[in-house]
Amino acid sequence: MVRKELMEGVNLTYLPARKFKTGLLSAHFLTPLEEGSAGMRALLPAVLRRGTVGSPDMGAISARLDRLYGAELDYTVRKKGECQCIGFVGSFIDDAYALGGEKLLEPVAELMGEMILEPVTRGGRFLPDYVESERDNLADAIRSIRNDKRDWAELRLLRELCAGEAYGVSRLGDERSVERISGQKLYAEYARLIASAPMEIFYCGSAERTRVEDALLNALSALPRRGVAPIPETERHSLRGEAKVVREGMDVTQGKLGMGFACTSEDESALLLGNLLFGGSSNSKLFLNVREKLSLCYYASSLYHRRKGLITVSSGVEFADFPRAYEEILAQLTALSRGEVEPWELEAARGVLRSAYAAMEDSQGRLENFYLGQAIEGRSDSPEDLAREMEETPAERIFRAMSSVKLDTVYYLERKEEKT
């Protein structure tokens, strides 16, 4: 892996790989995750993807991609810590597999550059039809989260756990702010973004680095850069003095219990393994005990939010079982922090991470996503480095780190009471 600054605030991470039959090229603008503006920034790449000056509609863009052996180029909106990453990801066959020996990296980079720098406009604004259509699509995507009660409960837990913090903001923004986006405001945000937002570019494939650099410099030569902002940093969450309890009523047939924990330890490898033992795998204590043995939950799992120093638990529970499930989840965390773990449990957790890191090396998409997170955090560890660190983390460190995990926020999604 080589990371190099191509121009002011534009960095390329080059991942040479000859084992893939495709090449991957992506470009992301990094911007702070902010209430009120997250929706506008999530909308922007969808509108840019609709057409360029040279290919003004989806039909023309699809035709260009078809001529490149069916290459794909789509927009992406991601959340990494308290950073919103918006841009494009392209996938195309490796030159060695092009029947006529064509070079495909350059035309894909060129089209990506056009989407970023030469969007189709009218009177200095995006086409109203494109803005309205993609705004409706984004609002539908946000509404769909509310329709999936598991996703909704997880989103609501994070919002309450991180109230007043950027981490509680959805990567897609909220429906109300999206509905207020005008074409004029969107274009102004676009102009600001391409001038001052830091940009991370990734290439994974067999092309030589100098060729990749040349292709990108040609494609982005007109990129204006003025006062580029630093990459947004993620602030660790501070434990509240007393756990916050939130109850929400909806028309649901199954309750949802979410629990948010703050990690006062910063031993990341120990917390990563500890979370797998707690609820991050099918061999975890939450799965085997709370779900399988005691049948208190339809599902129960935990997620470690490394950048924020949080662990969240998501579970589906019968309304009458809320108290027992709550107590048992806490009991399993206590047991783990006391070291009540069988050797096979720890080995199973290490095995999950081994497989995850190994699988990463076999997927261009996973590698790109991994190194995007590393770039945002200013880290250079490879998957192999993290796998080695995980293997060297003793059980005592895991138990000590998990003893620092304290309950911060509890969220109940309950049946809405009928009004009489």
Protein backbone atom coordinates (compact mmCIF):
# COMPACT_ATOMS: atom_id res chain seq x y z
CA MET A 1 0.00 0.00 0.00
CA VAL A 2 1.28 3.46 -0.94
CA ARG A 3 -0.50 6.70 -0.02
CA LYS A 4 0.55 9.86 -1.82
CA GLU A 5 -0.75 13.42 -2.13
CA LEU A 6 -1.56 14.14 -5.79
CA MET A 7 -2.54 17.78 -5.32
CA GLU A 8 -3.62 19.99 -2.44
CA GLY A 9 -5.95 17.98 -0.22
CA VAL A 10 -6.19 15.08 -2.71
CA ASN A 11 -4.59 11.79 -1.65
CA LEU A 12 -4.24 8.54 -3.57
CA THR A 13 -4.02 5.18 -1.83
CA TYR A 14 -2.52 2.71 -4.29
CA LEU A 15 -3.16 -0.98 -3.63
CA PRO A 16 -1.30 -3.10 -6.21
CA ALA A 17 -2.94 -6.46 -6.86
CA ARG A 18 -2.64 -8.83 -9.80
CA LYS A 19 -4.89 -11.58 -8.51
CA PHE A 20 -8.12 -9.77 -9.41
CA LYS A 21 -9.67 -9.77 -12.86
CA THR A 22 -11.00 -6.27 -12.28
CA GLY A 23 -9.73 -2.87 -11.26
CA LEU A 24 -11.38 -0.68 -8.66
CA LEU A 25 -11.20 3.12 -8.59
CA SER A 26 -13.00 5.30 -6.07
CA ALA A 27 -13.01 8.96 -5.08
CA HIS A 28 -14.52 10.40 -1.90
CA PHE A 29 -14.97 13.90 -0.55
CA LEU A 30 -14.72 13.94 3.25
CA THR A 31 -16.93 16.32 5.17
CA PRO A 32 -18.08 16.62 8.80
CA LEU A 33 -21.26 14.72 9.59
CA GLU A 34 -23.65 17.51 10.55
CA GLU A 35 -27.31 17.75 11.44
CA GLY A 36 -29.20 19.65 8.76
CA SER A 37 -26.57 19.36 6.01
CA ALA A 38 -26.01 15.57 5.94
CA GLY A 39 -29.03 15.11 3.66
CA MET A 40 -27.83 17.71 1.18
CA ARG A 41 -24.41 16.12 0.97
CA ALA A 42 -25.94 12.66 0.61
CA LEU A 43 -28.06 13.97 -2.27
CA LEU A 44 -25.16 15.56 -4.14
CA PRO A 45 -23.39 12.49 -5.61
CA ALA A 46 -26.73 11.04 -6.74
CA VAL A 47 -27.41 14.22 -8.74
CA LEU A 48 -23.85 14.31 -10.12
CA ARG A 49 -24.28 10.71 -11.29
CA ARG A 50 -27.29 11.69 -13.44
CA GLY A 51 -25.34 13.38 -16.22
CA THR A 52 -22.27 15.29 -17.37
CA VAL A 53 -21.71 17.93 -20.04
CA GLY A 54 -20.46 15.24 -22.42
CA SER A 55 -23.01 12.59 -21.37
CA PRO A 56 -26.05 14.56 -20.18
CA ASP A 57 -28.31 11.70 -19.08
CA MET A 58 -28.25 8.19 -17.67
CA GLY A 59 -28.70 6.68 -21.10
CA ALA A 60 -25.56 8.37 -22.43
CA ILE A 61 -23.56 7.40 -19.34
CA SER A 62 -24.73 3.78 -19.57
CA ALA A 63 -23.72 3.68 -23.23
CA ARG A 64 -20.19 4.85 -22.37
CA LEU A 65 -19.90 2.23 -19.64
CA ASP A 66 -21.21 -0.48 -21.96
CA ARG A 67 -18.45 0.34 -24.42
CA LEU A 68 -15.97 -0.23 -21.58
CA TYR A 69 -16.96 -3.90 -21.32
CA GLY A 70 -19.80 -3.15 -18.97
CA ALA A 71 -17.82 -1.13 -16.44
CA GLU A 72 -19.75 0.11 -13.42
CA LEU A 73 -19.61 3.57 -11.88
CA ASP A 74 -21.99 4.51 -9.10
CA TYR A 75 -22.23 6.97 -6.24
CA THR A 76 -21.64 6.15 -2.59
CA VAL A 77 -22.50 7.75 0.75
CA ARG A 78 -20.74 6.37 3.83
CA LYS A 79 -20.26 7.23 7.47
CA LYS A 80 -16.83 6.73 9.00
CA GLY A 81 -16.77 7.88 12.57
CA GLU A 82 -18.03 11.47 12.48
CA CYS A 83 -17.04 11.90 8.85
CA GLN A 84 -19.47 11.69 5.92
CA CYS A 85 -17.80 10.27 2.80
CA ILE A 86 -19.51 11.00 -0.52
CA GLY A 87 -18.29 10.18 -3.98
CA PHE A 88 -18.05 7.45 -6.58
CA VAL A 89 -16.83 3.86 -6.91
CA GLY A 90 -15.95 2.36 -10.28
CA SER A 91 -15.25 -1.27 -11.21
CA PHE A 92 -13.93 -2.42 -14.60
CA ILE A 93 -12.20 -5.45 -16.05
CA ASP A 94 -8.43 -5.56 -15.93
CA ASP A 95 -6.69 -4.53 -19.15
CA ALA A 96 -5.31 -8.04 -19.57
CA TYR A 97 -8.85 -9.31 -20.19
CA ALA A 98 -9.88 -6.66 -22.73
CA LEU A 99 -10.22 -8.40 -26.09
CA GLY A 100 -8.55 -5.64 -28.06
CA GLY A 101 -5.95 -4.75 -25.46
CA GLU A 102 -7.77 -1.51 -24.61
CA LYS A 103 -6.81 0.49 -21.54
CA LEU A 104 -9.87 0.89 -19.33
CA LEU A 105 -8.47 2.74 -16.32
CA GLU A 106 -8.09 6.03 -18.19
CA PRO A 107 -11.62 6.29 -19.63
CA VAL A 108 -13.18 5.29 -16.29
CA ALA A 109 -11.10 7.93 -14.51
CA GLU A 110 -12.09 10.44 -17.17
CA LEU A 111 -15.81 9.75 -16.70
CA MET A 112 -15.46 9.95 -12.92
CA GLY A 113 -13.69 13.28 -13.33
CA GLU A 114 -16.51 14.55 -15.54
CA MET A 115 -19.10 13.61 -12.93
CA ILE A 116 -17.16 15.56 -10.33
CA LEU A 117 -16.13 18.59 -12.40
CA GLU A 118 -18.50 18.80 -15.37
CA PRO A 119 -22.04 18.02 -14.21
CA VAL A 120 -24.80 18.93 -16.61
CA THR A 121 -26.29 22.28 -15.55
CA ARG A 122 -28.62 25.00 -16.80
CA GLY A 123 -28.10 28.63 -15.87
CA GLY A 124 -25.44 27.73 -13.34
CA ARG A 125 -27.64 25.24 -11.49
CA PHE A 126 -28.32 21.53 -11.57
CA LEU A 127 -31.24 20.43 -13.72
CA PRO A 128 -34.43 20.72 -11.60
CA ASP A 129 -35.74 17.34 -12.80
CA TYR A 130 -32.58 15.59 -11.62
CA VAL A 131 -32.62 17.31 -8.24
CA GLU A 132 -36.31 16.58 -7.62
CA SER A 133 -36.07 12.95 -8.73
CA GLU A 134 -33.02 12.16 -6.58
CA ARG A 135 -34.44 14.13 -3.65
CA ASP A 136 -37.54 11.91 -3.76
CA ASN A 137 -35.36 8.80 -3.93
CA LEU A 138 -33.36 9.94 -0.91
CA ALA A 139 -36.49 10.73 1.09
CA ASP A 140 -37.83 7.26 0.25
CA ALA A 141 -34.58 5.68 1.44
CA ILE A 142 -34.81 7.55 4.74
CA ARG A 143 -38.45 6.54 5.22
CA SER A 144 -37.58 2.92 4.53
CA ILE A 145 -35.38 2.89 7.66
CA ARG A 146 -38.44 3.69 9.78
CA ASN A 147 -40.34 0.84 8.12
CA ASP A 148 -37.67 -1.66 9.17
CA LYS A 149 -38.10 -1.59 12.94
CA ARG A 150 -34.74 -3.22 13.67
CA ASP A 151 -32.89 -0.59 11.64
CA TRP A 152 -35.07 2.12 13.16
CA ALA A 153 -34.34 0.99 16.73
CA GLU A 154 -30.60 0.92 16.04
CA LEU A 155 -30.72 4.40 14.51
CA ARG A 156 -32.77 5.77 17.41
CA LEU A 157 -30.42 4.24 19.97
CA LEU A 158 -27.43 5.94 18.37
CA ARG A 159 -29.28 9.27 18.18
CA GLU A 160 -30.12 9.12 21.88
CA LEU A 161 -26.74 7.72 22.92
CA CYS A 162 -24.90 10.42 20.96
CA ALA A 163 -27.41 13.25 21.33
CA GLY A 164 -25.62 16.50 20.52
CA GLU A 165 -22.74 14.62 18.90
CA ALA A 166 -22.12 14.18 15.19
CA TYR A 167 -22.04 10.39 15.53
CA GLY A 168 -25.78 10.38 16.20
CA VAL A 169 -26.52 11.81 12.73
CA SER A 170 -27.57 9.40 9.97
CA ARG A 171 -25.36 9.27 6.89
CA LEU A 172 -28.46 10.04 4.79
CA GLY A 173 -29.66 12.95 6.88
CA ASP A 174 -33.28 13.36 7.93
CA GLU A 175 -36.42 13.54 5.82
CA ARG A 176 -37.43 17.04 6.88
CA SER A 177 -34.14 18.69 5.90
CA VAL A 178 -34.00 16.72 2.63
CA GLU A 179 -37.43 18.00 1.61
CA ARG A 180 -36.19 21.60 2.02
CA ILE A 181 -33.19 21.22 -0.31
CA SER A 182 -33.31 23.58 -3.29
CA GLY A 183 -31.28 23.31 -6.47
CA GLN A 184 -29.60 26.62 -5.66
CA LYS A 185 -28.46 25.50 -2.19
CA LEU A 186 -27.31 22.16 -3.56
CA TYR A 187 -25.15 23.81 -6.23
CA ALA A 188 -23.63 26.17 -3.67
CA GLU A 189 -22.73 23.18 -1.49
CA TYR A 190 -21.23 21.44 -4.52
CA ALA A 191 -19.01 24.44 -5.29
CA ARG A 192 -17.85 24.59 -1.67
CA LEU A 193 -17.16 20.87 -1.53
CA ILE A 194 -14.99 20.55 -4.62
CA ALA A 195 -12.96 23.57 -3.52
CA SER A 196 -12.32 22.86 0.13
CA ALA A 197 -13.24 19.29 1.16
CA PRO A 198 -10.35 16.83 1.51
CA MET A 199 -10.48 14.05 -1.08
CA GLU A 200 -9.39 10.43 -0.81
CA ILE A 201 -8.89 8.33 -3.94
CA PHE A 202 -8.29 4.57 -4.02
CA TYR A 203 -7.07 2.28 -6.74
CA CYS A 204 -6.77 -1.49 -6.48
CA GLY A 205 -5.60 -3.44 -9.50
CA SER A 206 -2.65 -4.32 -11.70
CA ALA A 207 -1.86 -0.94 -13.30
CA GLU A 208 1.48 0.67 -12.43
CA ARG A 209 1.31 3.51 -9.92
CA THR A 210 2.65 6.15 -12.30
CA ARG A 211 -0.08 5.27 -14.79
CA VAL A 212 -2.78 5.58 -12.13
CA GLU A 213 -1.39 8.93 -11.00
CA ASP A 214 -1.29 10.26 -14.57
CA ALA A 215 -4.86 9.13 -15.26
CA LEU A 216 -6.15 10.86 -12.13
CA LEU A 217 -4.16 14.05 -12.63
CA ASN A 218 -5.55 14.34 -16.15
CA ALA A 219 -9.10 13.65 -14.99
CA LEU A 220 -8.98 16.08 -12.07
CA SER A 221 -6.69 18.79 -13.44
CA ALA A 222 -9.46 21.41 -13.23
CA LEU A 223 -10.29 20.64 -9.58
CA PRO A 224 -10.31 23.97 -7.71
CA ARG A 225 -8.60 23.82 -4.33
CA ARG A 226 -8.88 26.78 -1.95
CA GLY A 227 -8.27 26.49 1.77
CA VAL A 228 -8.74 22.74 2.05
CA ALA A 229 -10.18 21.80 5.44
CA PRO A 230 -8.58 19.10 7.61
CA ILE A 231 -10.09 15.60 7.68
CA PRO A 232 -12.88 15.60 10.29
CA GLU A 233 -11.87 13.93 13.55
CA THR A 234 -14.11 11.74 15.69
CA GLU A 235 -14.55 12.72 19.33
CA ARG A 236 -14.77 9.85 21.79
CA HIS A 237 -18.00 9.61 23.72
CA SER A 238 -17.93 10.53 27.41
CA LEU A 239 -19.85 8.30 29.82
CA ARG A 240 -22.89 9.96 31.41
CA GLY A 241 -23.21 10.09 35.16
CA GLU A 242 -26.47 8.13 35.06
CA ALA A 243 -27.82 5.85 32.34
CA LYS A 244 -30.38 7.53 30.08
CA VAL A 245 -33.61 5.61 29.43
CA VAL A 246 -35.76 6.35 26.37
CA ARG A 247 -39.11 4.72 25.59
CA GLU A 248 -40.83 5.09 22.22
CA GLY A 249 -44.21 3.73 21.21
CA MET A 250 -45.01 2.55 17.68
CA ASP A 251 -47.41 0.15 16.01
CA VAL A 252 -45.18 -2.92 16.47
CA THR A 253 -45.82 -6.56 17.34
CA GLN A 254 -42.30 -7.19 18.68
CA GLY A 255 -40.37 -5.02 21.11
CA LYS A 256 -36.85 -3.78 20.51
CA LEU A 257 -34.34 -3.31 23.29
CA GLY A 258 -31.22 -1.30 22.50
CA MET A 259 -28.42 -0.69 24.99
CA GLY A 260 -25.50 1.66 24.48
CA PHE A 261 -22.27 1.26 26.45
CA ALA A 262 -19.29 3.62 26.72
CA CYS A 263 -15.80 2.09 26.68
CA THR A 264 -13.45 3.98 28.96
CA SER A 265 -10.56 1.73 27.88
CA GLU A 266 -8.75 2.57 24.63
CA ASP A 267 -7.34 -0.94 24.12
CA GLU A 268 -8.93 -1.42 20.70
CA SER A 269 -7.78 -4.95 19.92
CA ALA A 270 -8.94 -6.15 23.36
CA LEU A 271 -12.31 -4.44 22.96
CA LEU A 272 -12.72 -5.85 19.44
CA LEU A 273 -12.20 -9.39 20.72
CA GLY A 274 -14.25 -8.68 23.82
CA ASN A 275 -17.18 -7.53 21.73
CA LEU A 276 -17.06 -10.75 19.70
CA LEU A 277 -17.20 -12.72 22.94
CA PHE A 278 -20.04 -10.53 24.22
CA GLY A 279 -22.40 -10.39 21.25
CA GLY A 280 -20.50 -9.97 17.99
CA SER A 281 -20.70 -13.54 16.68
CA SER A 282 -22.82 -16.68 16.64
CA ASN A 283 -20.60 -18.10 19.43
CA SER A 284 -21.09 -15.07 21.68
CA LYS A 285 -22.60 -14.99 25.15
CA LEU A 286 -25.63 -12.99 24.01
CA PHE A 287 -26.39 -15.41 21.20
CA LEU A 288 -25.78 -18.66 23.06
CA ASN A 289 -27.23 -17.66 26.43
CA VAL A 290 -29.73 -14.84 26.08
CA ARG A 291 -31.15 -16.00 22.76
CA GLU A 292 -30.60 -19.77 22.59
CA LYS A 293 -30.47 -21.03 26.16
CA LEU A 294 -32.92 -18.62 27.85
CA SER A 295 -35.04 -17.76 24.77
CA LEU A 296 -35.38 -14.16 25.92
CA CYS A 297 -34.72 -12.60 22.50
CA TYR A 298 -35.55 -13.28 18.88
CA TYR A 299 -32.11 -11.91 18.12
CA ALA A 300 -29.37 -10.35 20.26
CA SER A 301 -26.08 -8.98 18.99
CA SER A 302 -23.53 -6.30 19.81
CA LEU A 303 -21.41 -3.97 17.70
CA TYR A 304 -18.14 -2.26 18.62
CA HIS A 305 -17.89 1.31 17.31
CA ARG A 306 -14.12 1.57 17.43
CA ARG A 307 -13.73 5.19 16.40
CA LYS A 308 -16.26 6.40 18.94
CA GLY A 309 -15.42 4.08 21.84
CA LEU A 310 -18.91 2.57 22.09
CA ILE A 311 -20.57 -0.84 22.14
CA THR A 312 -24.24 -1.09 21.21
CA VAL A 313 -26.55 -4.04 21.77
CA SER A 314 -29.51 -4.70 19.48
CA SER A 315 -32.23 -7.20 20.41
CA GLY A 316 -35.77 -8.18 19.53
CA VAL A 317 -37.79 -8.97 22.66
CA GLU A 318 -41.34 -9.76 23.70
CA PHE A 319 -42.72 -6.79 25.63
CA ALA A 320 -43.19 -8.84 28.80
CA ASP A 321 -39.55 -10.00 28.65
CA PHE A 322 -37.97 -6.54 28.61
CA PRO A 323 -36.89 -6.61 32.30
CA ARG A 324 -35.40 -10.12 32.17
CA ALA A 325 -33.61 -9.51 28.87
CA TYR A 326 -32.15 -6.26 30.17
CA GLU A 327 -30.83 -7.90 33.33
CA GLU A 328 -29.44 -10.92 31.48
CA ILE A 329 -27.58 -8.79 28.94
CA LEU A 330 -25.90 -6.94 31.81
CA ALA A 331 -25.18 -10.27 33.54
CA GLN A 332 -23.38 -11.59 30.46
CA LEU A 333 -21.22 -8.45 30.29
CA THR A 334 -20.37 -8.85 33.97
CA ALA A 335 -19.44 -12.51 33.47
CA LEU A 336 -17.17 -11.57 30.58
CA SER A 337 -15.44 -8.81 32.52
CA ARG A 338 -14.78 -11.33 35.33
CA GLY A 339 -13.08 -13.68 32.90
CA GLU A 340 -15.82 -16.32 32.85
CA VAL A 341 -14.85 -17.48 29.37
CA GLU A 342 -14.05 -20.99 28.17
CA PRO A 343 -10.91 -21.47 26.04
CA TRP A 344 -13.02 -22.51 23.04
CA GLU A 345 -14.99 -19.23 23.25
CA LEU A 346 -11.82 -17.16 22.97
CA GLU A 347 -10.47 -19.29 20.14
CA ALA A 348 -13.78 -18.96 18.29
CA ALA A 349 -13.60 -15.16 18.61
CA ARG A 350 -10.05 -15.13 17.27
CA GLY A 351 -11.18 -17.40 14.44
CA VAL A 352 -13.91 -14.95 13.44
CA LEU A 353 -11.35 -12.15 13.16
CA ARG A 354 -8.87 -14.35 11.33
CA SER A 355 -11.49 -15.17 8.72
CA ALA A 356 -12.60 -11.54 8.44
CA TYR A 357 -9.08 -10.21 7.86
CA ALA A 358 -8.27 -13.02 5.41
CA ALA A 359 -11.48 -12.41 3.46
CA MET A 360 -10.60 -8.74 3.22
CA GLU A 361 -7.55 -9.56 1.16
CA ASP A 362 -9.77 -11.37 -1.36
CA SER A 363 -12.16 -8.46 -1.96
CA GLN A 364 -11.28 -5.17 -3.61
CA GLY A 365 -14.38 -3.57 -2.13
CA ARG A 366 -13.50 -4.60 1.42
CA LEU A 367 -9.92 -3.44 1.00
CA GLU A 368 -11.06 -0.08 -0.32
CA ASN A 369 -13.52 0.37 2.54
CA PHE A 370 -10.88 -0.66 5.10
CA TYR A 371 -8.23 1.73 3.82
CA LEU A 372 -10.74 4.57 3.56
CA GLY A 373 -11.27 4.23 7.30
CA GLN A 374 -7.52 4.04 7.88
CA ALA A 375 -6.92 7.21 5.83
CA ILE A 376 -9.55 9.13 7.77
CA GLU A 377 -7.94 8.10 11.06
CA GLY A 378 -4.41 8.75 9.87
CA ARG A 379 -3.47 5.10 10.35
CA SER A 380 -1.40 2.83 8.11
CA ASP A 381 -2.00 -0.60 9.69
CA SER A 382 -2.76 -3.32 7.15
CA PRO A 383 -5.24 -6.16 7.73
CA GLU A 384 -2.22 -8.40 8.39
CA ASP A 385 -0.97 -5.97 11.05
CA LEU A 386 -4.32 -5.99 12.82
CA ALA A 387 -4.60 -9.78 12.57
CA ARG A 388 -1.17 -10.14 14.18
CA GLU A 389 -2.08 -7.68 16.93
CA MET A 390 -5.28 -9.61 17.60
CA GLU A 391 -3.38 -12.89 17.97
CA GLU A 392 -0.99 -11.26 20.45
CA THR A 393 -3.78 -9.87 22.67
CA PRO A 394 -3.94 -12.02 25.85
CA ALA A 395 -7.17 -12.91 27.60
CA GLU A 396 -6.33 -10.78 30.63
CA ARG A 397 -6.28 -7.62 28.51
CA ILE A 398 -9.67 -8.52 27.05
CA PHE A 399 -11.28 -8.98 30.45
CA ARG A 400 -9.71 -5.77 31.75
CA ALA A 401 -10.91 -3.79 28.74
CA MET A 402 -14.44 -5.18 28.99
CA SER A 403 -14.59 -4.26 32.68
CA SER A 404 -14.36 -0.63 31.47
CA VAL A 405 -17.59 -0.98 29.43
CA LYS A 406 -20.36 0.88 31.26
CA LEU A 407 -24.05 1.27 30.48
CA ASP A 408 -24.86 4.72 29.11
CA THR A 409 -28.21 4.64 27.28
CA VAL A 410 -31.19 2.27 27.06
CA TYR A 411 -33.77 2.46 24.28
CA TYR A 412 -37.10 0.61 24.30
CA LEU A 413 -39.33 0.39 21.25
CA GLU A 414 -42.72 -0.58 22.66
CA ARG A 415 -46.26 -1.09 21.44
CA LYS A 416 -48.06 2.22 21.07
CA GLU A 417 -50.85 2.46 23.60
CA GLU A 418 -54.36 2.86 22.24
CA LYS A 419 -56.02 6.14 23.10
CA THR A 420 -59.38 5.78 24.81
